[in-house]
Structure formats: C-alpha cells, structure tokens
C-alpha cells in the first residue's frame, strides 16, 4: 500500500499593502531624513544688552545659557570703563538636541560676546570671520577625506544681526560687518527691543535700514518666492514675511497671567507686551521664517557660500601648483646657464694655455 505524502503548498505571492510606485520615493526620503535627523547652526551677532540670549531662548523654548553669569548694576557701573577698553570678541557655541513629533534637530547657536563693546571696534569682527572660514575649511577637509558618511555640518547657515533701536539707522560698524560677511553667510537683520519704539517709529526705522542696506550694496537673505502651485495661504504668508524684513522683535522668558491665560511677555505700568502677539512685534514672523525656510537656508549655504569658498580654495591651490612648476623651471634654466658658463670658461682656458686645442670638451673629458 502506497502512502500518499501530503502536499505542502507554498504561497510564493507576496502581498504588498498600499500603493507601490515612484510616487512613494518622497516617503522613503522622508523616513531616511527623520531617522538621520537634521543639523542647523545659527549665529547671533550684536552689541551687548540687546537681548540676543533672551530671544534665542524664547525662539526654541529652551535655556541655552544655564551657566551664564549676569553681573549686577553695582558691578556694571563700578567697572564701566576699563572692561570696554580691554574687551575682546569671543566665540561661544552651544549645542542642544531638540525633538518635536519624532523629528530630531541638532541646533548649534554661536554667540559672539564682546562684539562692539570696545572703544575701538574697528577689527572686532575678524574673529567672527575667521570662525566662519574655519568651519568651511573643516567641512572641505572632511568632504575630501576617505570617510564621508558621517560628516558633522558645523557651517553657519544663518546669522541674526541685531540692530540697536536707539539709533537712527545703521551704525558704521553695522555696515562694515555686514559687508564683510554677506558673501559668507545668510544675514537676517533684526531690530532688537522693539517695545521701546512706537509703531510709527518702528516703520520709519525699518524703511531707513532697508534704504541704507541697498545704498551700501549689502546682500541680506532674500526669501524665495512661492511657487505657482502653492496654496494661497502659503503665498500670503511668504508675502507677509518679506514685507516684515527687518524683523522688529522682543524676547521674554517670563510667564505673565493675562485674562486667565499665562503668556510670555513683559509687564509695564501701562500694560503688557506679548511676545507672541503679531500686533506687538514680529517674533512669530521671525520664528515662522526660520522654521519654514530652514532647508532653504541650508541649501543657499551649500550651493552659494560654500561653493564660493571652495572655488577660491581650489584656485589658490592651482596657483600654488603653477608657482611650484615655474620655480622648478627657473631652477633648471639657472642650472643650464651655470653649465654653459662653466663650459665657456673651460674653453677659454684651453685656448689660452693650449693654442692648438681642437675645440671644446676634448682634453678634459
């Protein structure tokens, strides 16, 4: 009697759920980018006392400077003159990991304490320019190395330049600094402590700053135009952000209770200035610009500023190679000239002592 073996049926068909096609490529890029995380470096530059640290803490709802010591008024007035003579510009980079809805952001804020505080501030921004160039040089070195999979991008993607609200526009130091770095980093001008200005004064100062920027040929970061296929809400948002430059902002880390709600703001005898109220200042617009155009800031840094630096470095390397070749050719020509001079001297000696010498290069060989 033959035993019939049971038949095992193998289901070789793979059931794929959902749509399969090239339209899923953006989803793959999205998953890979979220898993890898994002990197962004923000530089803040401005005179002391303009609220740079407070604004950064308000933007990202974190304390980037927990160990910073703020001297009291007695020490400030006691040491008012001497520190301003010897004050030098320093570079302080603070890195914090921010996670929101599963998306990780490695944020590096580069502060420049001491900028514009000295009596003679003529060369105070050379340290800042050197730091920006050093980050470009470091990225170029890592990019040219063998292991390029885990390159840490510390290049400065954006620079918030804080302008004092107490003047009548840009100071000579403001013009000189922005002209020195506008080809290296994306500049976003910011009017600090906007609560010291009325609405008319704020609009007048904005127009004055834009006119002076155009007059001196300073290139600030230009927000890209919205595409034609974008929705009307995004187009209107882009138009409002462009019209708000330079951003007049205030910052505060204090929570104040107003009408039963706790808000961040500043309390004055005549009322409350709300940080996140678009009718009071441009804080929300500045944060919206930074978040919605963070990728564009990185692309402009990569495609424009870094490529300019890279091309200049390659040109210098090419010129140095050409100079080395020219130096070698000059050395060879000099050696040939020395050999010919020695041969002529020997020929003259030969004819002087041996009148019957047949010619050059016979008797001494």
Protein backbone atom coordinates (compact mmCIF):
# COMPACT_ATOMS: atom_id res chain seq x y z
CA UNK A 1 0.00 0.00 0.00
CA UNK A 2 1.46 3.30 -1.05
CA UNK A 3 1.34 6.12 1.43
CA UNK A 4 0.46 9.38 -0.22
CA UNK A 5 2.57 12.21 1.11
CA UNK A 6 0.68 15.36 1.97
CA UNK A 7 1.21 18.17 -0.43
CA UNK A 8 2.65 21.35 1.04
CA UNK A 9 1.52 24.40 -0.81
CA UNK A 10 3.94 27.33 -0.69
CA UNK A 11 2.42 30.72 -1.15
CA UNK A 12 5.10 32.47 -3.18
CA UNK A 13 2.99 35.53 -3.85
CA UNK A 14 3.93 38.47 -1.66
CA UNK A 15 1.04 40.62 -0.64
CA UNK A 16 2.02 44.28 -0.67
CA UNK A 17 -0.21 46.65 1.13
CA UNK A 18 -0.74 50.13 -0.20
CA UNK A 19 0.34 51.76 -3.42
CA UNK A 20 3.67 50.70 -4.94
CA UNK A 21 5.26 53.11 -7.39
CA UNK A 22 7.63 56.00 -7.90
CA UNK A 23 5.24 58.25 -6.01
CA UNK A 24 6.50 56.58 -2.80
CA UNK A 25 10.04 57.92 -3.27
CA UNK A 26 9.36 61.10 -1.23
CA UNK A 27 8.15 58.88 1.62
CA UNK A 28 11.46 56.99 1.55
CA UNK A 29 13.43 60.24 1.65
CA UNK A 30 11.24 61.46 4.48
CA UNK A 31 11.78 58.33 6.58
CA UNK A 32 15.54 58.40 5.97
CA UNK A 33 15.81 62.10 6.83
CA UNK A 34 13.76 61.73 10.02
CA UNK A 35 15.88 58.78 11.11
CA UNK A 36 19.12 60.66 10.43
CA UNK A 37 18.00 63.92 11.99
CA UNK A 38 18.75 67.47 10.98
CA UNK A 39 21.56 69.90 11.76
CA UNK A 40 21.37 73.67 11.84
CA UNK A 41 23.80 76.34 13.01
CA UNK A 42 22.57 79.80 13.92
CA UNK A 43 24.90 82.71 14.71
CA UNK A 44 23.74 85.74 16.69
CA UNK A 45 25.77 88.95 16.46
CA UNK A 46 25.11 92.29 18.11
CA UNK A 47 26.15 94.61 20.87
CA UNK A 48 25.71 93.57 24.48
CA UNK A 49 22.39 94.36 26.11
CA UNK A 50 20.20 93.93 23.02
CA UNK A 51 18.52 90.75 24.28
CA UNK A 52 20.18 88.19 22.00
CA UNK A 53 20.25 85.36 24.54
CA UNK A 54 16.69 86.05 25.69
CA UNK A 55 15.39 85.98 22.13
CA UNK A 56 17.13 82.68 21.32
CA UNK A 57 15.72 81.08 24.46
CA UNK A 58 12.27 82.38 23.51
CA UNK A 59 12.55 81.04 19.95
CA UNK A 60 13.40 77.47 20.90
CA UNK A 61 11.77 77.32 24.36
CA UNK A 62 14.99 76.20 25.98
CA UNK A 63 17.77 77.59 28.13
CA UNK A 64 20.95 77.58 26.09
CA UNK A 65 22.96 79.53 28.64
CA UNK A 66 22.24 77.99 32.06
CA UNK A 67 25.68 78.82 33.47
CA UNK A 68 25.97 82.37 32.18
CA UNK A 69 26.62 84.95 34.90
CA UNK A 70 24.89 88.31 34.58
CA UNK A 71 26.59 90.98 36.72
CA UNK A 72 24.55 93.34 38.83
CA UNK A 73 24.19 97.05 38.31
CA UNK A 74 26.77 97.90 41.01
CA UNK A 75 29.48 95.87 39.30
CA UNK A 76 28.46 97.24 35.92
CA UNK A 77 28.90 100.88 36.93
CA UNK A 78 31.99 100.11 39.01
CA UNK A 79 33.80 98.54 36.04
CA UNK A 80 32.20 100.60 33.30
CA UNK A 81 35.29 101.97 31.54
CA UNK A 82 38.14 99.50 31.93
CA UNK A 83 36.41 96.36 30.55
CA UNK A 84 35.34 98.30 27.46
CA UNK A 85 38.99 99.11 26.73
CA UNK A 86 40.27 95.54 27.02
CA UNK A 87 37.13 93.71 25.85
CA UNK A 88 37.75 91.22 23.01
CA UNK A 89 35.31 89.27 20.88
CA UNK A 90 34.80 85.64 21.90
CA UNK A 91 33.08 82.73 20.19
CA UNK A 92 30.72 80.60 22.27
CA UNK A 93 28.98 77.67 20.57
CA UNK A 94 26.13 75.95 22.41
CA UNK A 95 24.58 72.76 21.03
CA UNK A 96 21.22 71.34 22.06
CA UNK A 97 19.16 68.41 20.80
CA UNK A 98 15.53 69.34 20.11
CA UNK A 99 12.87 66.75 19.30
CA UNK A 100 9.37 67.54 18.10
CA UNK A 101 6.92 64.87 16.92
CA UNK A 102 9.72 62.39 16.34
CA UNK A 103 11.86 64.80 14.33
CA UNK A 104 15.28 65.47 15.86
CA UNK A 105 17.14 68.73 15.33
CA UNK A 106 20.73 69.30 16.40
CA UNK A 107 20.76 73.04 16.93
CA UNK A 108 24.03 74.92 17.42
CA UNK A 109 23.82 78.57 18.47
CA UNK A 110 27.02 80.58 18.06
CA UNK A 111 27.12 83.64 20.29
CA UNK A 112 29.68 86.44 19.98
CA UNK A 113 30.02 88.18 23.37
CA UNK A 114 32.17 91.29 23.28
CA UNK A 115 31.19 92.36 19.77
CA UNK A 116 31.07 96.15 19.51
CA UNK A 117 31.73 96.66 23.23
CA UNK A 118 35.27 98.00 22.98
CA UNK A 119 36.03 101.69 22.49
CA UNK A 120 37.88 100.85 19.26
CA UNK A 121 35.76 98.26 17.45
CA UNK A 122 37.48 98.58 14.09
CA UNK A 123 38.70 94.97 13.88
CA UNK A 124 36.29 93.33 16.31
CA UNK A 125 34.65 91.16 13.65
CA UNK A 126 37.84 89.49 12.37
CA UNK A 127 37.39 86.73 14.95
CA UNK A 128 33.87 86.06 13.65
CA UNK A 129 35.01 85.92 10.01
CA UNK A 130 37.83 83.58 10.96
CA UNK A 131 35.36 81.27 12.74
CA UNK A 132 33.09 81.13 9.66
CA UNK A 133 36.05 80.38 7.37
CA UNK A 134 37.35 77.73 9.77
CA UNK A 135 34.02 75.88 9.62
CA UNK A 136 34.11 75.98 5.81
CA UNK A 137 37.71 74.71 5.89
CA UNK A 138 36.79 71.93 8.29
CA UNK A 139 33.86 70.80 6.15
CA UNK A 140 36.05 70.88 3.00
CA UNK A 141 38.67 68.75 4.75
CA UNK A 142 36.08 66.21 5.92
CA UNK A 143 34.46 66.16 2.49
CA UNK A 144 37.82 65.44 0.84
CA UNK A 145 38.68 62.64 3.28
CA UNK A 146 38.16 58.91 3.00
CA UNK A 147 35.22 58.55 5.39
CA UNK A 148 32.49 60.93 4.22
CA UNK A 149 29.46 59.12 5.60
CA UNK A 150 29.31 60.83 8.99
CA UNK A 151 30.31 64.42 8.31
CA UNK A 152 29.19 66.84 11.01
CA UNK A 153 28.00 70.06 9.41
CA UNK A 154 29.04 72.97 11.64
CA UNK A 155 28.86 75.59 8.89
CA UNK A 156 26.97 78.74 9.84
CA UNK A 157 23.64 78.59 7.99
CA UNK A 158 22.11 81.82 9.23
CA UNK A 159 23.21 84.95 11.08
CA UNK A 160 20.79 87.05 13.11
CA UNK A 161 22.32 90.52 13.16
CA UNK A 162 20.83 92.62 15.97
CA UNK A 163 20.44 96.32 15.28
CA UNK A 164 20.03 98.78 18.13
CA UNK A 165 16.64 100.54 18.22
CA UNK A 166 18.12 103.64 19.86
CA UNK A 167 19.89 104.99 16.77
CA UNK A 168 18.67 106.49 13.54
CA UNK A 169 19.57 103.55 11.33
CA UNK A 170 22.75 101.56 10.79
CA UNK A 171 25.98 102.45 12.53
CA UNK A 172 29.30 102.41 10.62
CA UNK A 173 30.19 99.19 12.46
CA UNK A 174 26.94 97.58 11.28
CA UNK A 175 27.69 98.47 7.66
CA UNK A 176 31.31 97.30 7.83
CA UNK A 177 30.42 93.98 9.46
CA UNK A 178 27.57 93.08 7.12
CA UNK A 179 29.63 93.98 4.06
CA UNK A 180 32.43 91.75 5.36
CA UNK A 181 30.28 88.63 5.84
CA UNK A 182 27.40 88.94 3.33
CA UNK A 183 29.28 86.70 0.88
CA UNK A 184 29.91 84.04 3.56
CA UNK A 185 26.61 83.63 5.44
CA UNK A 186 22.89 84.38 5.18
CA UNK A 187 22.23 87.64 7.06
CA UNK A 188 18.83 88.26 8.66
CA UNK A 189 18.64 91.79 10.15
CA UNK A 190 16.74 92.01 13.43
CA UNK A 191 15.71 95.17 15.29
CA UNK A 192 16.12 94.40 18.98
CA UNK A 193 13.90 95.60 21.84
CA UNK A 194 11.07 96.72 19.60
CA UNK A 195 8.95 97.57 22.64
CA UNK A 196 10.98 100.78 23.01
CA UNK A 197 9.53 102.07 19.73
CA UNK A 198 6.09 103.23 18.73
CA UNK A 199 4.51 101.73 15.62
CA UNK A 200 5.37 104.80 13.54
CA UNK A 201 8.94 104.86 14.82
CA UNK A 202 9.28 101.16 14.08
CA UNK A 203 8.07 101.52 10.48
CA UNK A 204 10.28 104.57 9.95
CA UNK A 205 13.34 102.72 11.28
CA UNK A 206 12.61 99.71 9.07
CA UNK A 207 12.48 101.85 5.94
CA UNK A 208 15.66 103.66 6.94
CA UNK A 209 17.55 100.40 7.49
CA UNK A 210 16.41 98.92 4.17
CA UNK A 211 17.43 102.10 2.33
CA UNK A 212 20.89 102.04 3.91
CA UNK A 213 21.30 98.34 3.15
CA UNK A 214 20.50 98.99 -0.51
CA UNK A 215 22.71 102.11 -0.57
CA UNK A 216 25.80 100.23 0.66
CA UNK A 217 25.17 97.19 -1.54
CA UNK A 218 24.71 94.77 1.37
CA UNK A 219 23.26 91.39 0.43
CA UNK A 220 20.87 90.06 3.04
CA UNK A 221 18.95 86.79 2.89
CA UNK A 222 16.12 87.01 0.38
CA UNK A 223 13.15 84.77 0.99
CA UNK A 224 12.34 82.68 -2.10
CA UNK A 225 9.14 83.39 -3.96
CA UNK A 226 6.27 80.96 -3.54
CA UNK A 227 5.71 78.59 -6.47
CA UNK A 228 2.64 78.99 -8.60
CA UNK A 229 1.26 75.60 -7.49
CA UNK A 230 1.38 76.54 -3.79
CA UNK A 231 -1.82 77.29 -1.94
CA UNK A 232 -2.95 80.86 -1.36
CA UNK A 233 -2.29 80.68 2.36
CA UNK A 234 1.41 79.92 1.84
CA UNK A 235 1.68 82.66 -0.78
CA UNK A 236 0.17 85.18 1.62
CA UNK A 237 2.49 84.00 4.39
CA UNK A 238 5.52 84.49 2.14
CA UNK A 239 4.36 87.98 1.16
CA UNK A 240 3.88 88.99 4.82
CA UNK A 241 7.30 87.65 5.81
CA UNK A 242 9.02 89.55 3.00
CA UNK A 243 7.27 92.77 4.00
CA UNK A 244 8.37 92.34 7.63
CA UNK A 245 12.14 92.49 6.97
CA UNK A 246 13.94 93.65 9.08
CA UNK A 247 12.11 91.87 11.89
CA UNK A 248 11.38 94.04 14.94
CA UNK A 249 11.21 91.64 17.88
CA UNK A 250 11.17 91.40 21.65
CA UNK A 251 12.03 88.44 23.84
CA UNK A 252 11.00 87.32 27.30
CA UNK A 253 11.23 84.16 29.36
CA UNK A 254 8.73 85.31 31.99
CA UNK A 255 5.19 83.98 32.12
CA UNK A 256 2.55 86.62 32.89
CA UNK A 257 -1.10 85.90 33.57
CA UNK A 258 -3.41 87.97 31.36
CA UNK A 259 -7.19 87.40 31.36
CA UNK A 260 -6.77 83.98 32.95
CA UNK A 261 -4.09 82.82 30.48
CA UNK A 262 -0.36 82.60 31.04
CA UNK A 263 1.61 84.17 28.25
CA UNK A 264 5.22 85.18 27.72
CA UNK A 265 5.67 88.89 27.76
CA UNK A 266 6.87 91.99 29.57
CA UNK A 267 4.84 93.76 32.21
CA UNK A 268 4.89 97.57 32.27
CA UNK A 269 2.87 100.04 34.38
CA UNK A 270 0.81 100.90 31.31
CA UNK A 271 0.19 97.37 30.08
CA UNK A 272 1.63 94.06 28.89
CA UNK A 273 3.72 93.49 25.76
CA UNK A 274 3.06 89.97 24.47
CA UNK A 275 5.94 88.18 22.79
CA UNK A 276 3.78 86.01 20.53
CA UNK A 277 1.30 88.71 19.56
CA UNK A 278 1.87 89.73 15.90
CA UNK A 279 0.30 93.13 16.61
CA UNK A 280 3.01 93.90 19.18
CA UNK A 281 6.15 92.67 17.38
CA UNK A 282 7.48 90.35 14.64
CA UNK A 283 8.55 87.48 16.90
CA UNK A 284 6.13 84.96 15.39
CA UNK A 285 7.09 86.05 11.87
CA UNK A 286 10.79 85.59 12.62
CA UNK A 287 10.17 82.12 14.06
CA UNK A 288 7.95 81.20 11.11
CA UNK A 289 10.61 82.36 8.67
CA UNK A 290 13.31 80.36 10.41
CA UNK A 291 11.28 77.15 10.65
CA UNK A 292 9.65 77.20 7.19
CA UNK A 293 12.84 78.26 5.36
CA UNK A 294 15.41 76.29 7.36
CA UNK A 295 16.03 73.93 4.44
CA UNK A 296 16.41 76.83 2.01
CA UNK A 297 18.96 78.48 4.34
CA UNK A 298 20.99 75.26 4.31
CA UNK A 299 20.76 74.97 0.52
CA UNK A 300 21.89 78.58 -0.03
CA UNK A 301 24.81 77.94 2.33
CA UNK A 302 25.77 74.79 0.42
CA UNK A 303 25.17 75.96 -3.15
CA UNK A 304 26.31 79.58 -2.87
CA UNK A 305 28.51 80.47 0.09
CA UNK A 306 30.32 77.15 0.48
CA UNK A 307 30.82 76.73 -3.26
CA UNK A 308 32.33 80.23 -3.45
CA UNK A 309 34.72 79.36 -0.63
CA UNK A 310 35.54 76.00 -2.22
CA UNK A 311 36.26 77.52 -5.65
CA UNK A 312 38.54 80.15 -4.10
CA UNK A 313 40.47 77.45 -2.23
CA UNK A 314 40.85 75.39 -5.40
CA UNK A 315 42.06 78.46 -7.32
CA UNK A 316 44.66 79.16 -4.65
CA UNK A 317 45.77 75.53 -4.72
CA UNK A 318 46.05 75.69 -8.52
CA UNK A 319 48.06 78.89 -8.38
CA UNK A 320 50.44 77.41 -5.80
CA UNK A 321 50.94 74.34 -8.03
CA UNK A 322 51.68 76.55 -11.02
CA UNK A 323 54.14 78.56 -8.96
CA UNK A 324 55.92 75.35 -7.92
CA UNK A 325 56.20 74.30 -11.59
CA UNK A 326 57.53 77.75 -12.51
CA UNK A 327 60.05 77.56 -9.69
CA UNK A 328 61.30 74.18 -10.93
CA UNK A 329 61.60 75.51 -14.48
CA UNK A 330 63.55 78.52 -13.26
CA UNK A 331 65.90 76.26 -11.28
CA UNK A 332 66.53 74.10 -14.38
CA UNK A 333 67.21 77.17 -16.52
CA UNK A 334 69.58 78.51 -13.91
CA UNK A 335 71.44 75.17 -13.77
CA UNK A 336 71.72 75.08 -17.57
CA UNK A 337 73.06 78.64 -17.56
CA UNK A 338 75.67 77.69 -14.93
CA UNK A 339 76.76 74.66 -17.01
CA UNK A 340 77.12 76.78 -20.15
CA UNK A 341 79.10 79.40 -18.23
CA UNK A 342 81.50 76.74 -16.92
CA UNK A 343 81.91 75.26 -20.39
CA UNK A 344 82.74 78.65 -21.88
CA UNK A 345 85.27 79.33 -19.11
CA UNK A 346 86.97 75.96 -19.70
CA UNK A 347 87.05 76.60 -23.44
CA UNK A 348 88.77 79.96 -22.95
CA UNK A 349 91.30 78.42 -20.54
CA UNK A 350 92.00 75.64 -23.04
CA UNK A 351 92.75 78.10 -25.88
CA UNK A 352 94.86 80.27 -23.59
CA UNK A 353 97.21 77.54 -22.34
CA UNK A 354 96.93 75.15 -25.30
CA UNK A 355 96.77 77.16 -28.51
CA UNK A 356 96.48 74.02 -30.60
CA UNK A 357 93.43 72.74 -28.73
CA UNK A 358 90.97 71.42 -31.38
CA UNK A 359 87.86 72.57 -29.57
CA UNK A 360 85.53 72.43 -26.65
CA UNK A 361 85.13 69.37 -24.47
CA UNK A 362 88.10 67.21 -25.63
CA UNK A 363 91.12 67.28 -23.43
CA UNK A 364 89.39 67.39 -20.05
CA UNK A 365 86.98 64.54 -20.70
